[in-house]
Amino acid sequence: EDFLNLIFKAMMKDSLNSSHPVSSAVQSSEQIEEMFDALSYIKGASLLLMLKHYLSKDVFQAGIEVYLHNHNYGSARSDDLWDSMNEITNGTLDVKKLMKTWILHKGFPLVTVVRKGKIISVQQEKFLYRVEPENWTSDARLL
């Protein structure tokens, strides 16, 4: 329950215009420090959990083991983790492409499903929390 509360708080922050991607290029040490916030950690954990459920626990675990073995006592980039997952899936799934759609963009998708009789239509758009400036309070700005 606590983790779900953290996820929902992170999603709220991620739905604001002031959000940032989980991964992005940095030019200075100050930018590195700015990236390591609750949003990055919680959204990152949520994305890894999502990937584990998508790949299956065993495949995900095997990919983590390959990643840790390949980068034992060394440095790594996020692409290295995705490459390890690709290695385990034998190229049947492009994990790197899948995950870059999540880590390189701020925000998350909102999927709307509408059923009219036997016809189902699905629409996807970027979710953005819209607050009208005249309705803002000092507390609302801190969300």
C-alpha atoms as a PDB file:
ATOM      1  CA  GLU A   1       0.000   0.000   0.000  1.00  0.00           C
ATOM      2  CA  ASP A   2       2.854   2.414   0.813  1.00  0.00           C
ATOM      3  CA  PHE A   3       4.510   1.696  -2.538  1.00  0.00           C
ATOM      4  CA  LEU A   4       1.245   2.374  -4.368  1.00  0.00           C
ATOM      5  CA  ASN A   5       0.901   5.702  -2.559  1.00  0.00           C
ATOM      6  CA  LEU A   6       4.441   6.604  -3.645  1.00  0.00           C
ATOM      7  CA  ILE A   7       3.670   5.613  -7.229  1.00  0.00           C
ATOM      8  CA  PHE A   8       0.550   7.778  -7.314  1.00  0.00           C
ATOM      9  CA  LYS A   9       2.477  10.751  -5.884  1.00  0.00           C
ATOM     10  CA  ALA A  10       5.164  10.258  -8.523  1.00  0.00           C
ATOM     11  CA  MET A  11       2.529  10.033 -11.263  1.00  0.00           C
ATOM     12  CA  MET A  12       1.026  13.298 -10.039  1.00  0.00           C
ATOM     13  CA  LYS A  13       4.419  15.018 -10.260  1.00  0.00           C
ATOM     14  CA  ASP A  14       5.111  13.376 -13.610  1.00  0.00           C
ATOM     15  CA  SER A  15       1.862  14.758 -15.015  1.00  0.00           C
ATOM     16  CA  LEU A  16       2.970  18.365 -14.458  1.00  0.00           C
ATOM     17  CA  ASN A  17       4.719  20.487 -17.084  1.00  0.00           C
ATOM     18  CA  SER A  18       7.638  20.853 -14.659  1.00  0.00           C
ATOM     19  CA  SER A  19       8.342  17.097 -14.780  1.00  0.00           C
ATOM     20  CA  HIS A  20      11.434  15.576 -16.367  1.00  0.00           C
ATOM     21  CA  PRO A  21      12.386  12.266 -17.995  1.00  0.00           C
ATOM     22  CA  VAL A  22      13.894   9.489 -15.864  1.00  0.00           C
ATOM     23  CA  SER A  23      16.982   9.542 -18.061  1.00  0.00           C
ATOM     24  CA  SER A  24      18.475  12.484 -19.923  1.00  0.00           C
ATOM     25  CA  ALA A  25      21.842  13.856 -20.992  1.00  0.00           C
ATOM     26  CA  VAL A  26      23.546  16.089 -18.446  1.00  0.00           C
ATOM     27  CA  GLN A  27      26.217  18.733 -18.816  1.00  0.00           C
ATOM     28  CA  SER A  28      27.135  19.513 -15.211  1.00  0.00           C
ATOM     29  CA  SER A  29      27.261  17.976 -11.742  1.00  0.00           C
ATOM     30  CA  GLU A  30      24.368  20.228 -10.709  1.00  0.00           C
ATOM     31  CA  GLN A  31      22.188  18.660 -13.393  1.00  0.00           C
ATOM     32  CA  ILE A  32      23.133  15.207 -12.119  1.00  0.00           C
ATOM     33  CA  GLU A  33      22.012  16.132  -8.617  1.00  0.00           C
ATOM     34  CA  GLU A  34      18.721  17.539  -9.955  1.00  0.00           C
ATOM     35  CA  MET A  35      17.978  14.240 -11.724  1.00  0.00           C
ATOM     36  CA  PHE A  36      18.177  12.167  -8.541  1.00  0.00           C
ATOM     37  CA  ASP A  37      14.848  13.067  -7.032  1.00  0.00           C
ATOM     38  CA  ALA A  38      11.869  11.068  -5.803  1.00  0.00           C
ATOM     39  CA  LEU A  39      10.278  11.141  -9.255  1.00  0.00           C
ATOM     40  CA  SER A  40      13.300   9.472 -10.864  1.00  0.00           C
ATOM     41  CA  TYR A  41      13.575   6.785  -8.228  1.00  0.00           C
ATOM     42  CA  ILE A  42       9.892   5.977  -7.873  1.00  0.00           C
ATOM     43  CA  LYS A  43       9.078   6.154 -11.581  1.00  0.00           C
ATOM     44  CA  GLY A  44      12.232   4.147 -12.300  1.00  0.00           C
ATOM     45  CA  ALA A  45      11.186   1.468  -9.810  1.00  0.00           C
ATOM     46  CA  SER A  46       7.677   1.420 -11.285  1.00  0.00           C
ATOM     47  CA  LEU A  47       9.062   0.986 -14.793  1.00  0.00           C
ATOM     48  CA  LEU A  48      11.280  -1.897 -13.712  1.00  0.00           C
ATOM     49  CA  LEU A  49       8.310  -3.522 -11.987  1.00  0.00           C
ATOM     50  CA  MET A  50       6.253  -3.051 -15.160  1.00  0.00           C
ATOM     51  CA  LEU A  51       9.058  -4.604 -17.227  1.00  0.00           C
ATOM     52  CA  LYS A  52       9.309  -7.568 -14.820  1.00  0.00           C
ATOM     53  CA  HIS A  53       5.606  -8.283 -15.221  1.00  0.00           C
ATOM     54  CA  TYR A  54       5.803  -7.876 -19.001  1.00  0.00           C
ATOM     55  CA  LEU A  55       8.819 -10.164 -19.488  1.00  0.00           C
ATOM     56  CA  SER A  56       7.957 -12.569 -16.623  1.00  0.00           C
ATOM     57  CA  LYS A  57       9.776 -12.853 -13.334  1.00  0.00           C
ATOM     58  CA  ASP A  58      12.207 -15.517 -14.590  1.00  0.00           C
ATOM     59  CA  VAL A  59      13.210 -13.678 -17.769  1.00  0.00           C
ATOM     60  CA  PHE A  60      13.619 -10.397 -15.882  1.00  0.00           C
ATOM     61  CA  GLN A  61      15.727 -12.103 -13.191  1.00  0.00           C
ATOM     62  CA  ALA A  62      17.920 -13.705 -15.849  1.00  0.00           C
ATOM     63  CA  GLY A  63      18.394 -10.328 -17.552  1.00  0.00           C
ATOM     64  CA  ILE A  64      19.439  -8.734 -14.242  1.00  0.00           C
ATOM     65  CA  GLU A  65      21.922 -11.545 -13.652  1.00  0.00           C
ATOM     66  CA  VAL A  66      23.456 -11.079 -17.110  1.00  0.00           C
ATOM     67  CA  TYR A  67      23.649  -7.322 -16.517  1.00  0.00           C
ATOM     68  CA  LEU A  68      25.352  -7.736 -13.128  1.00  0.00           C
ATOM     69  CA  HIS A  69      27.760 -10.336 -14.515  1.00  0.00           C
ATOM     70  CA  ASN A  70      28.696  -8.223 -17.559  1.00  0.00           C
ATOM     71  CA  HIS A  71      29.269  -5.073 -15.508  1.00  0.00           C
ATOM     72  CA  ASN A  72      30.777  -6.579 -12.371  1.00  0.00           C
ATOM     73  CA  TYR A  73      33.129  -3.987 -10.811  1.00  0.00           C
ATOM     74  CA  GLY A  74      32.637  -1.662 -13.777  1.00  0.00           C
ATOM     75  CA  SER A  75      30.487   1.209 -14.894  1.00  0.00           C
ATOM     76  CA  ALA A  76      27.308   0.947 -16.923  1.00  0.00           C
ATOM     77  CA  ARG A  77      24.725   3.001 -18.793  1.00  0.00           C
ATOM     78  CA  SER A  78      20.976   2.423 -18.901  1.00  0.00           C
ATOM     79  CA  ASP A  79      21.318   0.950 -22.391  1.00  0.00           C
ATOM     80  CA  ASP A  80      23.479  -1.803 -20.896  1.00  0.00           C
ATOM     81  CA  LEU A  81      20.553  -3.030 -18.796  1.00  0.00           C
ATOM     82  CA  TRP A  82      18.246  -3.058 -21.806  1.00  0.00           C
ATOM     83  CA  ASP A  83      20.913  -4.854 -23.873  1.00  0.00           C
ATOM     84  CA  SER A  84      21.128  -7.546 -21.180  1.00  0.00           C
ATOM     85  CA  MET A  85      17.364  -7.987 -21.309  1.00  0.00           C
ATOM     86  CA  ASN A  86      17.535  -8.196 -25.120  1.00  0.00           C
ATOM     87  CA  GLU A  87      20.216 -10.881 -24.802  1.00  0.00           C
ATOM     88  CA  ILE A  88      17.937 -12.998 -22.602  1.00  0.00           C
ATOM     89  CA  THR A  89      14.927 -12.590 -24.924  1.00  0.00           C
ATOM     90  CA  ASN A  90      17.118 -13.710 -27.879  1.00  0.00           C
ATOM     91  CA  GLY A  91      16.081 -10.678 -29.895  1.00  0.00           C
ATOM     92  CA  THR A  92      12.395 -11.629 -29.860  1.00  0.00           C
ATOM     93  CA  LEU A  93      11.629  -8.349 -28.117  1.00  0.00           C
ATOM     94  CA  ASP A  94      13.433  -5.015 -28.427  1.00  0.00           C
ATOM     95  CA  VAL A  95      13.505  -4.113 -24.727  1.00  0.00           C
ATOM     96  CA  LYS A  96      15.707  -1.087 -25.393  1.00  0.00           C
ATOM     97  CA  LYS A  97      13.160   0.409 -27.785  1.00  0.00           C
ATOM     98  CA  LEU A  98      10.301  -0.395 -25.416  1.00  0.00           C
ATOM     99  CA  MET A  99      11.953   1.172 -22.374  1.00  0.00           C
ATOM    100  CA  LYS A 100      13.259   4.278 -24.146  1.00  0.00           C
ATOM    101  CA  THR A 101       9.660   5.299 -24.828  1.00  0.00           C
ATOM    102  CA  TRP A 102       9.225   5.413 -21.050  1.00  0.00           C
ATOM    103  CA  ILE A 103      12.556   6.698 -19.711  1.00  0.00           C
ATOM    104  CA  LEU A 104      13.327   9.403 -22.278  1.00  0.00           C
ATOM    105  CA  HIS A 105       9.986  11.199 -22.041  1.00  0.00           C
ATOM    106  CA  LYS A 106       8.314  12.900 -19.152  1.00  0.00           C
ATOM    107  CA  GLY A 107       4.774  11.997 -18.277  1.00  0.00           C
ATOM    108  CA  PHE A 108       2.774   8.882 -18.998  1.00  0.00           C
ATOM    109  CA  PRO A 109      -0.012   7.826 -21.370  1.00  0.00           C
ATOM    110  CA  LEU A 110      -3.705   7.997 -20.678  1.00  0.00           C
ATOM    111  CA  VAL A 111      -5.618   5.289 -22.492  1.00  0.00           C
ATOM    112  CA  THR A 112      -9.329   5.857 -23.022  1.00  0.00           C
ATOM    113  CA  VAL A 113     -11.535   2.950 -24.058  1.00  0.00           C
ATOM    114  CA  VAL A 114     -15.042   3.629 -25.352  1.00  0.00           C
ATOM    115  CA  ARG A 115     -17.562   0.917 -26.146  1.00  0.00           C
ATOM    116  CA  LYS A 116     -20.540   1.602 -28.401  1.00  0.00           C
ATOM    117  CA  GLY A 117     -22.452  -1.628 -28.851  1.00  0.00           C
ATOM    118  CA  LYS A 118     -20.017  -4.109 -30.380  1.00  0.00           C
ATOM    119  CA  ILE A 119     -17.510  -1.450 -31.401  1.00  0.00           C
ATOM    120  CA  ILE A 120     -14.633  -0.642 -29.082  1.00  0.00           C
ATOM    121  CA  SER A 121     -12.394   2.325 -29.772  1.00  0.00           C
ATOM    122  CA  VAL A 122      -9.126   3.033 -27.987  1.00  0.00           C
ATOM    123  CA  GLN A 123      -7.383   6.378 -27.832  1.00  0.00           C
ATOM    124  CA  GLN A 124      -4.034   7.176 -26.255  1.00  0.00           C
ATOM    125  CA  GLU A 125      -2.736  10.597 -25.302  1.00  0.00           C
ATOM    126  CA  LYS A 126      -0.196  12.063 -22.939  1.00  0.00           C
ATOM    127  CA  PHE A 127      -1.774  12.631 -19.539  1.00  0.00           C
ATOM    128  CA  LEU A 128      -1.306  16.168 -18.316  1.00  0.00           C
ATOM    129  CA  TYR A 129      -2.704  17.436 -15.052  1.00  0.00           C
ATOM    130  CA  ARG A 130      -4.344  20.730 -15.923  1.00  0.00           C
ATOM    131  CA  VAL A 131      -4.902  23.278 -13.217  1.00  0.00           C
ATOM    132  CA  GLU A 132      -6.366  26.623 -14.138  1.00  0.00           C
ATOM    133  CA  PRO A 133      -4.104  29.412 -12.765  1.00  0.00           C
ATOM    134  CA  GLU A 134      -7.017  31.260 -11.154  1.00  0.00           C
ATOM    135  CA  ASN A 135      -7.866  28.128  -9.138  1.00  0.00           C
ATOM    136  CA  TRP A 136      -4.348  27.562  -7.834  1.00  0.00           C
ATOM    137  CA  THR A 137      -3.507  27.904  -4.171  1.00  0.00           C
ATOM    138  CA  SER A 138      -0.035  27.871  -2.711  1.00  0.00           C
ATOM    139  CA  ASP A 139      -0.582  24.203  -1.739  1.00  0.00           C
ATOM    140  CA  ALA A 140      -1.686  23.235  -5.272  1.00  0.00           C
ATOM    141  CA  ARG A 141       1.546  24.574  -6.736  1.00  0.00           C
ATOM    142  CA  LEU A 142       3.558  22.188  -4.576  1.00  0.00           C
ATOM    143  CA  LEU A 143       1.960  19.007  -5.959  1.00  0.00           C
END
